[in-house]
């Protein structure tokens, strides 16, 4: 065991059950390009991955805990070259830290471990973009609390792509996947006015949650409003406002923001959501923005996915779109 892995284990970060080996001649294949921490030479990474395989805290039946490894397995089907943007992602250095070790039965202990792992990742890789791979949406609250622990004097802003507000009260069912933003606001880690939720639509948010959002000045942007203005323009406007009012940006992507036709493998899939292209365009804009420090992808259940794994593949594509934005920004800076 190398020293990097040994140190990460102290923060509950372990080798994932599924991993690939980085090859110098990766021939443009994602699975031979992303570096495992066991092989890491200590050089700066542009981005680091952290799997958060928890789904016991999901309100609905969920196998989202299986996604981090399904995510890694699917790398094999993707190239590092983005044909649309004409950029090779191999210009970036991406490091896979592994998965947070979950407790077998204790949800609160699992949440504590995710927070501790986030603290370690933020301290050790403070110049890298951290990319969390969930897991249900409860992991977001843990990660943001970890960042607040590392950066107590910074104001954290959240850009949330989601069908739901995730503002449920924790008292009936505890810190579930329907409560992360409520946890952060009630706990003082984030102010409601520093939360921008883009993608809300339809009949999937109760009046009490909307009232709470209005009371705490959460910025609710419906999918209809975003489409009228333009998805990318809406995202750019939200990023601009967050840069003016906060110090550190955290983006959380609940894959149920996608329409059920594009993402059948999410626990709370709904009709009327985003198309994959709309999401991919939004993520390209987010990846290009220099304020991006942290992002997660949550609520993707490979167990519920259909033949061909369209949702898992959409998840990998989404991740690569963020990296594409980062690579384009790096190229524009002449690096």
Foldseek 3Di string as FASTA:
>chain_A
DDPLQVVLVVLQFHAAPDAADADPPPVQQQRNQAHEPVPDPLDAFQEEEEELQDAPQAPFDFRFSPQVRLLSVVSRVDGQADPVVGFGLSVGHYYYRHYGDADPPDPVVSLQSLLSSLLVCCVSRVNYAYEYEDDAQLNVLSNLVSVCVNVVPWAEAEEEEDQEPLCDDQVPPHSGSSHRVVCCCVVVSHQQLRYAYELHDDDDYDPVSVVVSVVRVHHYHHNVNCVVVDLQVVLVVSVVVNVVPTQAYEYEYEVLLAACVQAVQFRDHHHPHDHLVSLLSNLLSVLQDPRRRYYYYHRGHQVRADPPRRNSVSVSSSVSSSSNNVRVNCVVVVD
